[in-house]
């Protein structure tokens, strides 16, 4: 019993030291996690919470921009009677 109390006391005392080793991330850091809420299709009030790192959100945004540019380019090519 006494050994268990000493062991748990040592663990509790070491926890603040472990927490201090890792500094909090800046909100703009690529590894910082950011959560966003999105409206659920078909629901007037329900929202879905999605959490990703800033780097993942940036990659998603860049891919969506490329997809939009591709759609615009293909639609313009279809409207050109000479192309």
PDB file of N, CA and C in Angstrom:
ATOM      1  N   UNK A   1       0.826  -1.194   0.000  1.00  0.00           N
ATOM      2  CA  UNK A   1       0.000   0.000   0.000  1.00  0.00           C
ATOM      3  C   UNK A   1       0.866   1.251   0.000  1.00  0.00           C
ATOM      4  N   UNK A   2       1.880   1.249   0.879  1.00  0.00           N
ATOM      5  CA  UNK A   2       2.752   2.411   1.007  1.00  0.00           C
ATOM      6  C   UNK A   2       3.522   2.666  -0.281  1.00  0.00           C
ATOM      7  N   UNK A   3       3.948   1.582  -0.956  1.00  0.00           N
ATOM      8  CA  UNK A   3       4.675   1.717  -2.218  1.00  0.00           C
ATOM      9  C   UNK A   3       3.782   2.330  -3.295  1.00  0.00           C
ATOM     10  N   UNK A   4       2.532   1.951  -3.305  1.00  0.00           N
ATOM     11  CA  UNK A   4       1.598   2.492  -4.296  1.00  0.00           C
ATOM     12  C   UNK A   4       1.386   3.981  -4.083  1.00  0.00           C
ATOM     13  N   UNK A   5       1.319   4.418  -2.830  1.00  0.00           N
ATOM     14  CA  UNK A   5       1.140   5.838  -2.530  1.00  0.00           C
ATOM     15  C   UNK A   5       2.361   6.618  -2.981  1.00  0.00           C
ATOM     16  N   UNK A   6       3.539   6.097  -2.743  1.00  0.00           N
ATOM     17  CA  UNK A   6       4.771   6.777  -3.164  1.00  0.00           C
ATOM     18  C   UNK A   6       4.845   6.834  -4.690  1.00  0.00           C
ATOM     19  N   UNK A   7       4.527   5.738  -5.353  1.00  0.00           N
ATOM     20  CA  UNK A   7       4.577   5.705  -6.819  1.00  0.00           C
ATOM     21  C   UNK A   7       3.593   6.693  -7.427  1.00  0.00           C
ATOM     22  N   UNK A   8       2.372   6.734  -6.891  1.00  0.00           N
ATOM     23  CA  UNK A   8       1.391   7.668  -7.443  1.00  0.00           C
ATOM     24  C   UNK A   8       1.786   9.109  -7.145  1.00  0.00           C
ATOM     25  N   UNK A   9       2.427   9.351  -6.000  1.00  0.00           N
ATOM     26  CA  UNK A   9       2.887  10.704  -5.678  1.00  0.00           C
ATOM     27  C   UNK A   9       3.976  11.152  -6.634  1.00  0.00           C
ATOM     28  N   UNK A  10       4.867  10.243  -6.990  1.00  0.00           N
ATOM     29  CA  UNK A  10       5.933  10.576  -7.932  1.00  0.00           C
ATOM     30  C   UNK A  10       5.371  10.887  -9.313  1.00  0.00           C
ATOM     31  N   UNK A  11       4.367  10.147  -9.726  1.00  0.00           N
ATOM     32  CA  UNK A  11       3.741  10.379 -11.032  1.00  0.00           C
ATOM     33  C   UNK A  11       3.063  11.749 -11.049  1.00  0.00           C
ATOM     34  N   UNK A  12       2.336  12.066 -10.002  1.00  0.00           N
ATOM     35  CA  UNK A  12       1.640  13.358  -9.928  1.00  0.00           C
ATOM     36  C   UNK A  12       2.642  14.501  -9.914  1.00  0.00           C
ATOM     37  N   UNK A  13       3.750  14.334  -9.211  1.00  0.00           N
ATOM     38  CA  UNK A  13       4.754  15.393  -9.155  1.00  0.00           C
ATOM     39  C   UNK A  13       5.466  15.558 -10.494  1.00  0.00           C
ATOM     40  N   UNK A  14       5.588  14.507 -11.285  1.00  0.00           N
ATOM     41  CA  UNK A  14       6.270  14.577 -12.562  1.00  0.00           C
ATOM     42  C   UNK A  14       5.386  15.161 -13.657  1.00  0.00           C
ATOM     43  N   UNK A  15       4.084  15.126 -13.494  1.00  0.00           N
ATOM     44  CA  UNK A  15       3.171  15.602 -14.538  1.00  0.00           C
ATOM     45  C   UNK A  15       3.378  17.067 -14.903  1.00  0.00           C
ATOM     46  N   UNK A  16       3.502  18.000 -13.967  1.00  0.00           N
ATOM     47  CA  UNK A  16       3.727  19.382 -14.373  1.00  0.00           C
ATOM     48  C   UNK A  16       5.025  19.556 -15.158  1.00  0.00           C
ATOM     49  N   UNK A  17       6.041  18.774 -14.827  1.00  0.00           N
ATOM     50  CA  UNK A  17       7.302  18.867 -15.557  1.00  0.00           C
ATOM     51  C   UNK A  17       7.114  18.405 -16.997  1.00  0.00           C
ATOM     52  N   UNK A  18       6.323  17.372 -17.202  1.00  0.00           N
ATOM     53  CA  UNK A  18       6.057  16.900 -18.562  1.00  0.00           C
ATOM     54  C   UNK A  18       5.251  17.922 -19.344  1.00  0.00           C
ATOM     55  N   UNK A  19       4.320  18.566 -18.709  1.00  0.00           N
ATOM     56  CA  UNK A  19       3.483  19.555 -19.385  1.00  0.00           C
ATOM     57  C   UNK A  19       4.290  20.782 -19.782  1.00  0.00           C
ATOM     58  N   UNK A  20       5.326  21.122 -19.026  1.00  0.00           N
ATOM     59  CA  UNK A  20       6.124  22.302 -19.326  1.00  0.00           C
ATOM     60  C   UNK A  20       7.074  22.072 -20.492  1.00  0.00           C
ATOM     61  N   UNK A  21       7.384  20.823 -20.807  1.00  0.00           N
ATOM     62  CA  UNK A  21       8.303  20.537 -21.905  1.00  0.00           C
ATOM     63  C   UNK A  21       7.744  20.977 -23.252  1.00  0.00           C
ATOM     64  N   UNK A  22       6.438  20.935 -23.413  1.00  0.00           N
ATOM     65  CA  UNK A  22       5.825  21.277 -24.695  1.00  0.00           C
ATOM     66  C   UNK A  22       5.116  22.615 -24.568  1.00  0.00           C
ATOM     67  N   UNK A  23       5.641  23.621 -25.269  1.00  0.00           N
ATOM     68  CA  UNK A  23       5.035  24.946 -25.237  1.00  0.00           C
ATOM     69  C   UNK A  23       3.763  24.935 -26.079  1.00  0.00           C
ATOM     70  N   UNK A  24       2.772  25.733 -25.707  1.00  0.00           N
ATOM     71  CA  UNK A  24       1.545  25.780 -26.513  1.00  0.00           C
ATOM     72  C   UNK A  24       1.839  26.329 -27.912  1.00  0.00           C
ATOM     73  N   UNK A  25       1.152  25.776 -28.892  1.00  0.00           N
ATOM     74  CA  UNK A  25       1.355  26.198 -30.273  1.00  0.00           C
ATOM     75  C   UNK A  25       0.660  27.523 -30.543  1.00  0.00           C
ATOM     76  N   UNK A  26       1.266  28.312 -31.396  1.00  0.00           N
ATOM     77  CA  UNK A  26       0.648  29.537 -31.875  1.00  0.00           C
ATOM     78  C   UNK A  26      -0.562  29.140 -32.725  1.00  0.00           C
ATOM     79  N   UNK A  27      -1.627  29.945 -32.701  1.00  0.00           N
ATOM     80  CA  UNK A  27      -2.845  29.565 -33.436  1.00  0.00           C
ATOM     81  C   UNK A  27      -2.610  29.492 -34.944  1.00  0.00           C
ATOM     82  N   UNK A  28      -1.553  30.120 -35.453  1.00  0.00           N
ATOM     83  CA  UNK A  28      -1.246  30.076 -36.882  1.00  0.00           C
ATOM     84  C   UNK A  28      -0.203  29.025 -37.232  1.00  0.00           C
ATOM     85  N   UNK A  29       0.269  28.274 -36.259  1.00  0.00           N
ATOM     86  CA  UNK A  29       1.249  27.217 -36.483  1.00  0.00           C
ATOM     87  C   UNK A  29       0.619  26.136 -37.358  1.00  0.00           C
ATOM     88  N   UNK A  30       1.350  25.589 -38.337  1.00  0.00           N
ATOM     89  CA  UNK A  30       0.784  24.548 -39.207  1.00  0.00           C
ATOM     90  C   UNK A  30       0.335  23.296 -38.453  1.00  0.00           C
ATOM     91  N   UNK A  31       0.923  23.028 -37.293  1.00  0.00           N
ATOM     92  CA  UNK A  31       0.558  21.838 -36.525  1.00  0.00           C
ATOM     93  C   UNK A  31      -0.541  22.093 -35.501  1.00  0.00           C
ATOM     94  N   UNK A  32      -0.955  23.341 -35.356  1.00  0.00           N
ATOM     95  CA  UNK A  32      -2.024  23.656 -34.405  1.00  0.00           C
ATOM     96  C   UNK A  32      -3.350  23.128 -34.948  1.00  0.00           C
ATOM     97  N   UNK A  33      -4.153  22.569 -34.078  1.00  0.00           N
ATOM     98  CA  UNK A  33      -5.444  22.002 -34.478  1.00  0.00           C
ATOM     99  C   UNK A  33      -6.516  23.078 -34.371  1.00  0.00           C
ATOM    100  N   UNK A  34      -7.317  23.168 -35.406  1.00  0.00           N
ATOM    101  CA  UNK A  34      -8.416  24.126 -35.449  1.00  0.00           C
ATOM    102  C   UNK A  34      -9.691  23.371 -35.820  1.00  0.00           C
ATOM    103  N   UNK A  35     -10.754  23.674 -35.111  1.00  0.00           N
ATOM    104  CA  UNK A  35     -12.040  23.013 -35.365  1.00  0.00           C
ATOM    105  C   UNK A  35     -12.993  23.993 -36.041  1.00  0.00           C
ATOM    106  N   UNK A  36     -13.769  23.471 -36.976  1.00  0.00           N
ATOM    107  CA  UNK A  36     -14.772  24.269 -37.674  1.00  0.00           C
ATOM    108  C   UNK A  36     -16.093  23.528 -37.609  1.00  0.00           C
ATOM    109  N   UNK A  37     -17.181  24.287 -37.653  1.00  0.00           N
ATOM    110  CA  UNK A  37     -18.523  23.699 -37.653  1.00  0.00           C
ATOM    111  C   UNK A  37     -19.132  23.885 -39.042  1.00  0.00           C
ATOM    112  N   UNK A  38     -19.713  22.809 -39.556  1.00  0.00           N
ATOM    113  CA  UNK A  38     -20.331  22.820 -40.867  1.00  0.00           C
ATOM    114  C   UNK A  38     -21.791  22.420 -40.742  1.00  0.00           C
ATOM    115  N   UNK A  39     -22.646  23.093 -41.480  1.00  0.00           N
ATOM    116  CA  UNK A  39     -24.065  22.783 -41.522  1.00  0.00           C
ATOM    117  C   UNK A  39     -24.252  21.397 -42.123  1.00  0.00           C
ATOM    118  N   UNK A  40     -25.080  20.582 -41.498  1.00  0.00           N
ATOM    119  CA  UNK A  40     -25.377  19.243 -41.998  1.00  0.00           C
ATOM    120  C   UNK A  40     -26.471  19.374 -43.051  1.00  0.00           C
ATOM    121  N   UNK A  41     -26.218  18.818 -44.225  1.00  0.00           N
ATOM    122  CA  UNK A  41     -27.184  18.878 -45.320  1.00  0.00           C
ATOM    123  C   UNK A  41     -28.484  18.188 -44.913  1.00  0.00           C
ATOM    124  N   UNK A  42     -29.599  18.872 -45.126  1.00  0.00           N
ATOM    125  CA  UNK A  42     -30.903  18.314 -44.809  1.00  0.00           C
ATOM    126  C   UNK A  42     -31.390  18.667 -43.418  1.00  0.00           C
ATOM    127  N   UNK A  43     -30.585  19.384 -42.653  1.00  0.00           N
ATOM    128  CA  UNK A  43     -30.988  19.772 -41.307  1.00  0.00           C
ATOM    129  C   UNK A  43     -30.938  21.287 -41.190  1.00  0.00           C
ATOM    130  N   UNK A  44     -31.898  21.833 -40.486  1.00  0.00           N
ATOM    131  CA  UNK A  44     -31.924  23.283 -40.309  1.00  0.00           C
ATOM    132  C   UNK A  44     -31.027  23.746 -39.159  1.00  0.00           C
ATOM    133  N   UNK A  45     -30.784  22.880 -38.206  1.00  0.00           N
ATOM    134  CA  UNK A  45     -30.033  23.304 -37.021  1.00  0.00           C
ATOM    135  C   UNK A  45     -28.788  22.467 -36.719  1.00  0.00           C
ATOM    136  N   UNK A  46     -28.717  21.256 -37.196  1.00  0.00           N
ATOM    137  CA  UNK A  46     -27.607  20.375 -36.849  1.00  0.00           C
ATOM    138  C   UNK A  46     -26.321  20.800 -37.559  1.00  0.00           C
ATOM    139  N   UNK A  47     -25.228  20.813 -36.780  1.00  0.00           N
ATOM    140  CA  UNK A  47     -23.924  21.143 -37.338  1.00  0.00           C
ATOM    141  C   UNK A  47     -22.938  20.055 -36.959  1.00  0.00           C
ATOM    142  N   UNK A  48     -21.975  19.848 -37.834  1.00  0.00           N
ATOM    143  CA  UNK A  48     -20.946  18.844 -37.610  1.00  0.00           C
ATOM    144  C   UNK A  48     -19.637  19.553 -37.289  1.00  0.00           C
ATOM    145  N   UNK A  49     -18.940  19.090 -36.279  1.00  0.00           N
ATOM    146  CA  UNK A  49     -17.666  19.686 -35.877  1.00  0.00           C
ATOM    147  C   UNK A  49     -16.539  18.848 -36.478  1.00  0.00           C
ATOM    148  N   UNK A  50     -15.635  19.524 -37.232  1.00  0.00           N
ATOM    149  CA  UNK A  50     -14.510  18.858 -37.864  1.00  0.00           C
ATOM    150  C   UNK A  50     -13.231  19.534 -37.394  1.00  0.00           C
ATOM    151  N   UNK A  51     -12.299  18.737 -36.886  1.00  0.00           N
ATOM    152  CA  UNK A  51     -11.027  19.263 -36.384  1.00  0.00           C
ATOM    153  C   UNK A  51      -9.884  18.731 -37.238  1.00  0.00           C
ATOM    154  N   UNK A  52      -9.022  19.647 -37.686  1.00  0.00           N
ATOM    155  CA  UNK A  52      -7.840  19.305 -38.482  1.00  0.00           C
ATOM    156  C   UNK A  52      -6.742  20.301 -38.148  1.00  0.00           C
ATOM    157  N   UNK A  53      -5.517  19.985 -38.542  1.00  0.00           N
ATOM    158  CA  UNK A  53      -4.428  20.935 -38.342  1.00  0.00           C
ATOM    159  C   UNK A  53      -4.555  22.053 -39.367  1.00  0.00           C
ATOM    160  N   UNK A  54      -3.895  23.172 -39.097  1.00  0.00           N
ATOM    161  CA  UNK A  54      -3.913  24.282 -40.048  1.00  0.00           C
ATOM    162  C   UNK A  54      -3.356  23.852 -41.406  1.00  0.00           C
ATOM    163  N   UNK A  55      -2.340  22.997 -41.393  1.00  0.00           N
ATOM    164  CA  UNK A  55      -1.761  22.510 -42.651  1.00  0.00           C
ATOM    165  C   UNK A  55      -2.786  21.697 -43.443  1.00  0.00           C
ATOM    166  N   UNK A  56      -3.584  20.883 -42.749  1.00  0.00           N
ATOM    167  CA  UNK A  56      -4.615  20.100 -43.440  1.00  0.00           C
ATOM    168  C   UNK A  56      -5.708  21.002 -44.003  1.00  0.00           C
ATOM    169  N   UNK A  57      -6.144  22.022 -43.231  1.00  0.00           N
ATOM    170  CA  UNK A  57      -7.154  22.959 -43.735  1.00  0.00           C
ATOM    171  C   UNK A  57      -6.622  23.689 -44.966  1.00  0.00           C
ATOM    172  N   UNK A  58      -5.341  24.091 -44.944  1.00  0.00           N
ATOM    173  CA  UNK A  58      -4.741  24.799 -46.078  1.00  0.00           C
ATOM    174  C   UNK A  58      -4.706  23.895 -47.313  1.00  0.00           C
ATOM    175  N   UNK A  59      -4.326  22.629 -47.137  1.00  0.00           N
ATOM    176  CA  UNK A  59      -4.274  21.680 -48.254  1.00  0.00           C
ATOM    177  C   UNK A  59      -5.668  21.463 -48.850  1.00  0.00           C
ATOM    178  N   UNK A  60      -6.681  21.362 -48.009  1.00  0.00           N
ATOM    179  CA  UNK A  60      -8.055  21.198 -48.488  1.00  0.00           C
ATOM    180  C   UNK A  60      -8.485  22.416 -49.290  1.00  0.00           C
ATOM    181  N   UNK A  61      -8.189  23.604 -48.785  1.00  0.00           N
ATOM    182  CA  UNK A  61      -8.559  24.838 -49.474  1.00  0.00           C
ATOM    183  C   UNK A  61      -7.867  24.942 -50.829  1.00  0.00           C
ATOM    184  N   UNK A  62      -6.579  24.601 -50.868  1.00  0.00           N
ATOM    185  CA  UNK A  62      -5.838  24.655 -52.130  1.00  0.00           C
ATOM    186  C   UNK A  62      -6.404  23.668 -53.143  1.00  0.00           C
ATOM    187  N   UNK A  63      -6.773  22.463 -52.685  1.00  0.00           N
ATOM    188  CA  UNK A  63      -7.356  21.470 -53.582  1.00  0.00           C
ATOM    189  C   UNK A  63      -8.715  21.935 -54.109  1.00  0.00           C
ATOM    190  N   UNK A  64      -9.524  22.545 -53.258  1.00  0.00           N
ATOM    191  CA  UNK A  64     -10.820  23.061 -53.696  1.00  0.00           C
ATOM    192  C   UNK A  64     -10.640  24.175 -54.727  1.00  0.00           C
ATOM    193  N   UNK A  65      -9.640  25.033 -54.542  1.00  0.00           N
ATOM    194  CA  UNK A  65      -9.368  26.092 -55.518  1.00  0.00           C
ATOM    195  C   UNK A  65      -8.927  25.505 -56.853  1.00  0.00           C
ATOM    196  N   UNK A  66      -8.078  24.459 -56.821  1.00  0.00           N
ATOM    197  CA  UNK A  66      -7.664  23.813 -58.076  1.00  0.00           C
ATOM    198  C   UNK A  66      -8.856  23.183 -58.778  1.00  0.00           C
ATOM    199  N   UNK A  67      -9.737  22.532 -58.008  1.00  0.00           N
ATOM    200  CA  UNK A  67     -10.930  21.911 -58.590  1.00  0.00           C
ATOM    201  C   UNK A  67     -11.831  22.964 -59.239  1.00  0.00           C
ATOM    202  N   UNK A  68     -12.021  24.094 -58.565  1.00  0.00           N
ATOM    203  CA  UNK A  68     -12.854  25.164 -59.112  1.00  0.00           C
ATOM    204  C   UNK A  68     -12.241  25.732 -60.388  1.00  0.00           C
ATOM    205  N   UNK A  69     -10.928  25.949 -60.378  1.00  0.00           N
ATOM    206  CA  UNK A  69     -10.257  26.443 -61.592  1.00  0.00           C
ATOM    207  C   UNK A  69     -10.400  25.464 -62.743  1.00  0.00           C
ATOM    208  N   UNK A  70     -10.307  24.166 -62.450  1.00  0.00           N
ATOM    209  CA  UNK A  70     -10.446  23.143 -63.476  1.00  0.00           C
ATOM    210  C   UNK A  70     -11.853  23.156 -64.075  1.00  0.00           C
ATOM    211  N   UNK A  71     -12.865  23.299 -63.230  1.00  0.00           N
ATOM    212  CA  UNK A  71     -14.250  23.348 -63.713  1.00  0.00           C
ATOM    213  C   UNK A  71     -14.457  24.564 -64.607  1.00  0.00           C
ATOM    214  N   UNK A  72     -13.932  25.705 -64.182  1.00  0.00           N
ATOM    215  CA  UNK A  72     -14.069  26.935 -64.980  1.00  0.00           C
ATOM    216  C   UNK A  72     -13.351  26.788 -66.314  1.00  0.00           C
ATOM    217  N   UNK A  73     -12.146  26.243 -66.303  1.00  0.00           N
ATOM    218  CA  UNK A  73     -11.381  26.068 -67.539  1.00  0.00           C
ATOM    219  C   UNK A  73     -12.099  25.133 -68.505  1.00  0.00           C
ATOM    220  N   UNK A  74     -12.630  24.019 -67.982  1.00  0.00           N
ATOM    221  CA  UNK A  74     -13.337  23.076 -68.855  1.00  0.00           C
ATOM    222  C   UNK A  74     -14.640  23.663 -69.395  1.00  0.00           C
ATOM    223  N   UNK A  75     -15.339  24.453 -68.591  1.00  0.00           N
ATOM    224  CA  UNK A  75     -16.592  25.034 -69.081  1.00  0.00           C
ATOM    225  C   UNK A  75     -16.322  26.098 -70.130  1.00  0.00           C
ATOM    226  N   UNK A  76     -15.239  26.850 -69.970  1.00  0.00           N
ATOM    227  CA  UNK A  76     -14.880  27.844 -70.995  1.00  0.00           C
ATOM    228  C   UNK A  76     -14.482  27.172 -72.294  1.00  0.00           C
ATOM    229  N   UNK A  77     -13.776  26.057 -72.217  1.00  0.00           N
ATOM    230  CA  UNK A  77     -13.376  25.328 -73.428  1.00  0.00           C
ATOM    231  C   UNK A  77     -14.596  24.784 -74.141  1.00  0.00           C
ATOM    232  N   UNK A  78     -15.631  24.389 -73.405  1.00  0.00           N
ATOM    233  CA  UNK A  78     -16.856  23.868 -74.009  1.00  0.00           C
ATOM    234  C   UNK A  78     -17.681  24.942 -74.666  1.00  0.00           C
ATOM    235  N   UNK A  79     -17.538  26.204 -74.223  1.00  0.00           N
ATOM    236  CA  UNK A  79     -18.315  27.296 -74.800  1.00  0.00           C
ATOM    237  C   UNK A  79     -17.644  27.904 -76.017  1.00  0.00           C
ATOM    238  N   UNK A  80     -16.384  27.604 -76.223  1.00  0.00           N
ATOM    239  CA  UNK A  80     -15.637  28.170 -77.348  1.00  0.00           C
ATOM    240  C   UNK A  80     -15.919  27.340 -78.600  1.00  0.00           C
ATOM    241  N   UNK A  81     -16.585  27.935 -79.615  1.00  0.00           N
ATOM    242  CA  UNK A  81     -16.926  27.160 -80.816  1.00  0.00           C
ATOM    243  C   UNK A  81     -15.679  26.794 -81.641  1.00  0.00           C
ATOM    244  N   UNK A  82     -14.572  27.496 -81.450  1.00  0.00           N
ATOM    245  CA  UNK A  82     -13.356  27.211 -82.213  1.00  0.00           C
ATOM    246  C   UNK A  82     -12.434  26.233 -81.476  1.00  0.00           C
ATOM    247  N   UNK A  83     -12.726  25.900 -80.241  1.00  0.00           N
ATOM    248  CA  UNK A  83     -11.801  25.090 -79.462  1.00  0.00           C
ATOM    249  C   UNK A  83     -12.257  23.734 -79.301  1.00  0.00           C
TER     250      UNK A  83
END
